[in-house]
PDB file of N, CA and C in Angstrom:
ATOM      1  N   MET A   1       3.458   4.209  -9.412  1.00  0.00           N
ATOM      2  CA  MET A   1       4.009   6.026  -9.015  1.00  0.00           C
ATOM      3  C   MET A   1       5.293   5.182  -9.300  1.00  0.00           C
ATOM      4  N   ALA A   2       6.169   6.419  -9.697  1.00  0.00           N
ATOM      5  CA  ALA A   2       7.351   6.408  -9.915  1.00  0.00           C
ATOM      6  C   ALA A   2       8.630   6.432  -8.327  1.00  0.00           C
ATOM      7  N   GLN A   3       9.340   5.782  -8.327  1.00  0.00           N
ATOM      8  CA  GLN A   3       9.682   5.496  -7.326  1.00  0.00           C
ATOM      9  C   GLN A   3      10.835   6.714  -6.780  1.00  0.00           C
ATOM     10  N   SER A   4      10.923   7.495  -6.074  1.00  0.00           N
ATOM     11  CA  SER A   4      12.011   9.028  -5.916  1.00  0.00           C
ATOM     12  C   SER A   4      12.654   8.861  -5.000  1.00  0.00           C
ATOM     13  N   GLY A   5      13.886   8.849  -4.582  1.00  0.00           N
ATOM     14  CA  GLY A   5      14.453   8.657  -3.260  1.00  0.00           C
ATOM     15  C   GLY A   5      13.707   8.844  -1.752  1.00  0.00           C
ATOM     16  N   LYS A   6      12.396   8.430  -1.221  1.00  0.00           N
ATOM     17  CA  LYS A   6      11.733   8.854   0.539  1.00  0.00           C
ATOM     18  C   LYS A   6      12.340   7.755   1.100  1.00  0.00           C
ATOM     19  N   GLY A   7      12.678   6.432   0.801  1.00  0.00           N
ATOM     20  CA  GLY A   7      12.737   5.250   1.338  1.00  0.00           C
ATOM     21  C   GLY A   7      14.250   4.425   1.182  1.00  0.00           C
ATOM     22  N   LYS A   8      13.812   3.390   1.458  1.00  0.00           N
ATOM     23  CA  LYS A   8      14.458   1.915   1.539  1.00  0.00           C
ATOM     24  C   LYS A   8      13.124   1.636   0.345  1.00  0.00           C
ATOM     25  N   LEU A   9      12.165   1.698   0.400  1.00  0.00           N
ATOM     26  CA  LEU A   9      11.541   1.280  -0.715  1.00  0.00           C
ATOM     27  C   LEU A   9      10.332   1.666  -1.035  1.00  0.00           C
ATOM     28  N   ASN A  10       9.991   1.612  -1.714  1.00  0.00           N
ATOM     29  CA  ASN A  10       8.291   2.787  -2.527  1.00  0.00           C
ATOM     30  C   ASN A  10       7.249   1.960  -1.769  1.00  0.00           C
ATOM     31  N   TYR A  11       6.033   2.493  -0.813  1.00  0.00           N
ATOM     32  CA  TYR A  11       5.345   1.130  -0.136  1.00  0.00           C
ATOM     33  C   TYR A  11       4.166   2.524  -0.712  1.00  0.00           C
ATOM     34  N   ARG A  12       2.855   1.479  -0.731  1.00  0.00           N
ATOM     35  CA  ARG A  12       1.636   2.143  -0.534  1.00  0.00           C
ATOM     36  C   ARG A  12       1.152   2.602   0.385  1.00  0.00           C
ATOM     37  N   CYS A  13       0.403   3.741   0.945  1.00  0.00           N
ATOM     38  CA  CYS A  13      -0.080   3.372   2.200  1.00  0.00           C
ATOM     39  C   CYS A  13      -1.860   2.748   2.304  1.00  0.00           C
ATOM     40  N   PRO A  14      -1.339   2.020   2.964  1.00  0.00           N
ATOM     41  CA  PRO A  14      -2.569   0.680   3.106  1.00  0.00           C
ATOM     42  C   PRO A  14      -3.437   1.497   3.119  1.00  0.00           C
ATOM     43  N   SER A  15      -4.265   2.514   4.505  1.00  0.00           N
ATOM     44  CA  SER A  15      -4.651   3.281   4.909  1.00  0.00           C
ATOM     45  C   SER A  15      -5.740   3.686   3.330  1.00  0.00           C
ATOM     46  N   CYS A  16      -5.279   4.275   2.893  1.00  0.00           N
ATOM     47  CA  CYS A  16      -5.558   5.728   1.446  1.00  0.00           C
ATOM     48  C   CYS A  16      -5.931   4.147   0.498  1.00  0.00           C
ATOM     49  N   PHE A  17      -4.542   2.667   0.011  1.00  0.00           N
ATOM     50  CA  PHE A  17      -5.247   1.939  -0.685  1.00  0.00           C
ATOM     51  C   PHE A  17      -6.353   1.267  -0.873  1.00  0.00           C
ATOM     52  N   MET A  18      -6.880   1.051   0.801  1.00  0.00           N
ATOM     53  CA  MET A  18      -8.288   0.457   0.640  1.00  0.00           C
ATOM     54  C   MET A  18      -9.279   1.541   0.015  1.00  0.00           C
ATOM     55  N   ARG A  19      -9.207   2.893   0.180  1.00  0.00           N
ATOM     56  CA  ARG A  19     -10.292   3.276  -0.829  1.00  0.00           C
ATOM     57  C   ARG A  19      -9.560   3.058  -1.707  1.00  0.00           C
ATOM     58  N   ASP A  20      -8.964   3.167  -2.503  1.00  0.00           N
ATOM     59  CA  ASP A  20      -8.891   3.290  -4.244  1.00  0.00           C
ATOM     60  C   ASP A  20      -7.859   4.666  -4.090  1.00  0.00           C
ATOM     61  N   LEU A  21      -7.131   4.693  -3.363  1.00  0.00           N
ATOM     62  CA  LEU A  21      -6.074   5.531  -3.621  1.00  0.00           C
ATOM     63  C   LEU A  21      -4.729   5.586  -3.648  1.00  0.00           C
ATOM     64  N   ASP A  22      -3.942   5.792  -4.495  1.00  0.00           N
ATOM     65  CA  ASP A  22      -2.599   5.014  -5.189  1.00  0.00           C
ATOM     66  C   ASP A  22      -1.472   5.908  -3.774  1.00  0.00           C
ATOM     67  N   LEU A  23      -1.068   5.903  -3.128  1.00  0.00           N
ATOM     68  CA  LEU A  23       0.069   6.851  -2.850  1.00  0.00           C
ATOM     69  C   LEU A  23       1.081   6.284  -1.785  1.00  0.00           C
ATOM     70  N   ASP A  24       2.188   6.766  -2.437  1.00  0.00           N
ATOM     71  CA  ASP A  24       3.341   6.465  -1.343  1.00  0.00           C
ATOM     72  C   ASP A  24       3.784   6.821  -0.529  1.00  0.00           C
ATOM     73  N   MET A  25       4.115   6.256   0.241  1.00  0.00           N
ATOM     74  CA  MET A  25       4.481   6.389   1.576  1.00  0.00           C
ATOM     75  C   MET A  25       5.746   6.918   1.722  1.00  0.00           C
ATOM     76  N   PHE A  26       6.518   8.333   2.606  1.00  0.00           N
ATOM     77  CA  PHE A  26       7.662   8.704   3.209  1.00  0.00           C
ATOM     78  C   PHE A  26       8.592   8.107   4.255  1.00  0.00           C
ATOM     79  N   TYR A  27       9.273   7.725   4.178  1.00  0.00           N
ATOM     80  CA  TYR A  27      10.241   6.944   5.602  1.00  0.00           C
ATOM     81  C   TYR A  27      10.868   7.869   6.171  1.00  0.00           C
ATOM     82  N   ASP A  28      10.891   8.253   7.824  1.00  0.00           N
ATOM     83  CA  ASP A  28      11.162   8.784   8.496  1.00  0.00           C
ATOM     84  C   ASP A  28      12.558   7.810   8.721  1.00  0.00           C
ATOM     85  N   LYS A  29      14.146   8.754   8.664  1.00  0.00           N
ATOM     86  CA  LYS A  29      15.118   7.573   9.182  1.00  0.00           C
ATOM     87  C   LYS A  29      15.626   8.041  10.359  1.00  0.00           C
ATOM     88  N   GLU A  30      15.402   8.837  11.281  1.00  0.00           N
ATOM     89  CA  GLU A  30      14.890   8.842  12.693  1.00  0.00           C
ATOM     90  C   GLU A  30      14.675   8.141  13.297  1.00  0.00           C
ATOM     91  N   LYS A  31      13.005   7.408  12.720  1.00  0.00           N
ATOM     92  CA  LYS A  31      12.101   7.100  14.085  1.00  0.00           C
ATOM     93  C   LYS A  31      12.164   5.883  12.834  1.00  0.00           C
ATOM     94  N   GLU A  32      12.524   5.232  12.204  1.00  0.00           N
ATOM     95  CA  GLU A  32      12.574   4.249  11.523  1.00  0.00           C
ATOM     96  C   GLU A  32      10.592   3.848  11.114  1.00  0.00           C
ATOM     97  N   GLU A  33      10.251   4.762  10.774  1.00  0.00           N
ATOM     98  CA  GLU A  33       8.572   4.690  10.244  1.00  0.00           C
ATOM     99  C   GLU A  33       8.515   4.833   9.106  1.00  0.00           C
ATOM    100  N   TYR A  34       7.623   4.437   8.159  1.00  0.00           N
ATOM    101  CA  TYR A  34       6.609   5.236   7.301  1.00  0.00           C
ATOM    102  C   TYR A  34       5.704   6.096   7.379  1.00  0.00           C
ATOM    103  N   TYR A  35       5.196   7.122   6.772  1.00  0.00           N
ATOM    104  CA  TYR A  35       4.079   7.225   7.333  1.00  0.00           C
ATOM    105  C   TYR A  35       3.608   8.654   5.630  1.00  0.00           C
ATOM    106  N   CYS A  36       2.662   8.727   5.474  1.00  0.00           N
ATOM    107  CA  CYS A  36       1.088   8.949   4.797  1.00  0.00           C
ATOM    108  C   CYS A  36       1.067  10.762   5.189  1.00  0.00           C
ATOM    109  N   ILE A  37       1.494  11.618   4.648  1.00  0.00           N
ATOM    110  CA  ILE A  37       0.818  13.150   4.717  1.00  0.00           C
ATOM    111  C   ILE A  37      -0.566  13.159   3.620  1.00  0.00           C
ATOM    112  N   ARG A  38      -0.214  11.870   3.472  1.00  0.00           N
ATOM    113  CA  ARG A  38      -2.553  12.158   3.567  1.00  0.00           C
ATOM    114  C   ARG A  38      -3.482  12.299   4.164  1.00  0.00           C
ATOM    115  N   CYS A  39      -3.172  10.702   5.081  1.00  0.00           N
ATOM    116  CA  CYS A  39      -4.084  10.394   5.523  1.00  0.00           C
ATOM    117  C   CYS A  39      -3.503   9.801   7.172  1.00  0.00           C
ATOM    118  N   GLN A  40      -2.650  10.412   7.379  1.00  0.00           N
ATOM    119  CA  GLN A  40      -1.810  10.305   9.118  1.00  0.00           C
ATOM    120  C   GLN A  40      -1.521   9.054   8.965  1.00  0.00           C
ATOM    121  N   TYR A  41      -1.507   7.982   8.401  1.00  0.00           N
ATOM    122  CA  TYR A  41      -0.685   6.557   9.291  1.00  0.00           C
ATOM    123  C   TYR A  41       0.283   6.792   9.005  1.00  0.00           C
ATOM    124  N   VAL A  42       0.784   6.111  10.064  1.00  0.00           N
ATOM    125  CA  VAL A  42       2.221   5.596  10.743  1.00  0.00           C
ATOM    126  C   VAL A  42       2.424   4.343  10.973  1.00  0.00           C
ATOM    127  N   GLY A  43       3.522   3.395  10.328  1.00  0.00           N
ATOM    128  CA  GLY A  43       3.572   2.638  10.550  1.00  0.00           C
ATOM    129  C   GLY A  43       5.464   1.829  10.256  1.00  0.00           C
ATOM    130  N   THR A  44       5.396   0.460  10.748  1.00  0.00           N
ATOM    131  CA  THR A  44       6.539   0.315  10.923  1.00  0.00           C
ATOM    132  C   THR A  44       6.876  -0.471   9.598  1.00  0.00           C
ATOM    133  N   GLU A  45       7.864  -1.123   9.049  1.00  0.00           N
ATOM    134  CA  GLU A  45       8.206  -1.819   7.879  1.00  0.00           C
ATOM    135  C   GLU A  45       6.848  -2.548   7.738  1.00  0.00           C
ATOM    136  N   GLU A  46       7.308  -3.436   8.513  1.00  0.00           N
ATOM    137  CA  GLU A  46       6.303  -4.909   9.105  1.00  0.00           C
ATOM    138  C   GLU A  46       4.544  -4.787   9.247  1.00  0.00           C
ATOM    139  N   ASP A  47       4.244  -3.763   9.415  1.00  0.00           N
ATOM    140  CA  ASP A  47       3.373  -3.298  10.077  1.00  0.00           C
ATOM    141  C   ASP A  47       2.546  -2.405   8.254  1.00  0.00           C
ATOM    142  N   VAL A  48       3.275  -1.973   7.285  1.00  0.00           N
ATOM    143  CA  VAL A  48       3.299  -1.656   6.264  1.00  0.00           C
ATOM    144  C   VAL A  48       2.655  -2.241   5.485  1.00  0.00           C
ATOM    145  N   LEU A  49       3.767  -3.806   5.465  1.00  0.00           N
ATOM    146  CA  LEU A  49       3.858  -4.624   4.824  1.00  0.00           C
ATOM    147  C   LEU A  49       2.359  -6.134   4.928  1.00  0.00           C
ATOM    148  N   GLU A  50       2.108  -5.850   6.160  1.00  0.00           N
ATOM    149  CA  GLU A  50       0.842  -6.846   6.551  1.00  0.00           C
ATOM    150  C   GLU A  50       0.027  -5.870   5.921  1.00  0.00           C
ATOM    151  N   LYS A  51      -0.298  -4.940   6.088  1.00  0.00           N
ATOM    152  CA  LYS A  51      -1.654  -3.826   5.594  1.00  0.00           C
ATOM    153  C   LYS A  51      -2.077  -4.107   4.400  1.00  0.00           C
ATOM    154  N   ASN A  52      -0.482  -4.025   3.809  1.00  0.00           N
ATOM    155  CA  ASN A  52      -0.794  -4.319   2.111  1.00  0.00           C
ATOM    156  C   ASN A  52      -1.300  -5.238   1.153  1.00  0.00           C
ATOM    157  N   GLN A  53      -0.903  -6.102   2.175  1.00  0.00           N
ATOM    158  CA  GLN A  53      -1.283  -8.057   1.832  1.00  0.00           C
ATOM    159  C   GLN A  53      -2.569  -8.111   2.279  1.00  0.00           C
ATOM    160  N   MET A  54      -3.203  -7.083   3.189  1.00  0.00           N
ATOM    161  CA  MET A  54      -4.644  -7.661   3.074  1.00  0.00           C
ATOM    162  C   MET A  54      -5.673  -6.762   1.737  1.00  0.00           C
ATOM    163  N   ALA A  55      -4.539  -5.930   1.311  1.00  0.00           N
ATOM    164  CA  ALA A  55      -5.092  -5.086   0.325  1.00  0.00           C
ATOM    165  C   ALA A  55      -4.557  -5.877  -1.805  1.00  0.00           C
ATOM    166  N   ARG A  56      -3.846  -6.622  -1.635  1.00  0.00           N
ATOM    167  CA  ARG A  56      -3.751  -7.969  -2.366  1.00  0.00           C
ATOM    168  C   ARG A  56      -4.551  -8.703  -2.851  1.00  0.00           C
ATOM    169  N   PHE A  57      -4.673  -9.315  -1.227  1.00  0.00           N
ATOM    170  CA  PHE A  57      -6.120 -10.067  -0.995  1.00  0.00           C
ATOM    171  C   PHE A  57      -7.237  -9.840  -1.337  1.00  0.00           C
ATOM    172  N   ARG A  58      -7.179  -8.845  -0.916  1.00  0.00           N
ATOM    173  CA  ARG A  58      -8.479  -7.592  -1.939  1.00  0.00           C
ATOM    174  C   ARG A  58      -8.671  -7.864  -3.163  1.00  0.00           C
ATOM    175  N   TYR A  59      -7.458  -7.896  -3.687  1.00  0.00           N
ATOM    176  CA  TYR A  59      -7.869  -7.011  -5.686  1.00  0.00           C
ATOM    177  C   TYR A  59      -7.054  -8.402  -6.624  1.00  0.00           C
ATOM    178  N   LYS A  60      -7.303  -9.247  -5.814  1.00  0.00           N
ATOM    179  CA  LYS A  60      -6.465 -10.684  -6.102  1.00  0.00           C
ATOM    180  C   LYS A  60      -7.246 -11.508  -7.897  1.00  0.00           C
ATOM    181  N   ASP A  61      -7.991 -11.016  -8.159  1.00  0.00           N
ATOM    182  CA  ASP A  61      -8.594 -11.642  -9.045  1.00  0.00           C
ATOM    183  C   ASP A  61      -9.090 -10.402  -9.960  1.00  0.00           C
ATOM    184  N   MET A  62      -8.203  -8.801 -10.328  1.00  0.00           N
ATOM    185  CA  MET A  62      -8.633  -7.630 -10.662  1.00  0.00           C
ATOM    186  C   MET A  62      -8.096  -7.946 -12.050  1.00  0.00           C
ATOM    187  N   GLY A  63      -6.932  -8.571 -12.413  1.00  0.00           N
ATOM    188  CA  GLY A  63      -5.996  -8.983 -13.585  1.00  0.00           C
ATOM    189  C   GLY A  63      -6.346  -9.871 -14.489  1.00  0.00           C
ATOM    190  N   LYS A  64      -7.775 -10.861 -14.139  1.00  0.00           N
ATOM    191  CA  LYS A  64      -7.942 -12.026 -14.280  1.00  0.00           C
ATOM    192  C   LYS A  64      -8.988 -11.615 -15.353  1.00  0.00           C
ATOM    193  N   ARG A  65      -9.725 -11.711 -16.435  1.00  0.00           N
ATOM    194  CA  ARG A  65     -10.770 -12.261 -17.359  1.00  0.00           C
ATOM    195  C   ARG A  65     -11.671 -13.035 -17.029  1.00  0.00           C
ATOM    196  N   PHE A  66     -12.751 -12.696 -16.519  1.00  0.00           N
ATOM    197  CA  PHE A  66     -14.120 -13.653 -16.640  1.00  0.00           C
ATOM    198  C   PHE A  66     -14.982 -13.716 -17.773  1.00  0.00           C
ATOM    199  N   THR A  67     -15.155 -14.631 -18.227  1.00  0.00           N
ATOM    200  CA  THR A  67     -15.825 -14.639 -19.156  1.00  0.00           C
ATOM    201  C   THR A  67     -17.446 -15.496 -19.221  1.00  0.00           C
ATOM    202  N   SER A  68     -17.551 -16.271 -17.707  1.00  0.00           N
ATOM    203  CA  SER A  68     -18.599 -16.784 -17.663  1.00  0.00           C
ATOM    204  C   SER A  68     -18.965 -17.076 -16.095  1.00  0.00           C
ATOM    205  N   PHE A  69     -20.115 -16.510 -15.588  1.00  0.00           N
ATOM    206  CA  PHE A  69     -20.685 -16.371 -14.665  1.00  0.00           C
ATOM    207  C   PHE A  69     -21.160 -17.434 -13.867  1.00  0.00           C
ATOM    208  N   GLU A  70     -21.086 -18.474 -14.852  1.00  0.00           N
ATOM    209  CA  GLU A  70     -22.162 -19.325 -14.215  1.00  0.00           C
ATOM    210  C   GLU A  70     -20.917 -20.119 -12.880  1.00  0.00           C
ATOM    211  N   LEU A  71     -21.712 -20.791 -12.210  1.00  0.00           N
ATOM    212  CA  LEU A  71     -21.405 -21.918 -11.364  1.00  0.00           C
ATOM    213  C   LEU A  71     -20.617 -23.333 -11.649  1.00  0.00           C
TER     214      LEU A  71
END
């Protein structure tokens, strides 16, 4: 998705992304936290980065082409 002045950086909602939905989070400057309008996830920047790292681990071989399934 394109970056649109929602916050400091454009982060994906970790809860939605684990369910194969690609939604951007909004940033609340007063509370200094990110939130998702679809699933009501709320978290700090550190929490979002930690959970998005789990998603990267899950999809780490998505760009890799497998030509053989033998061990």
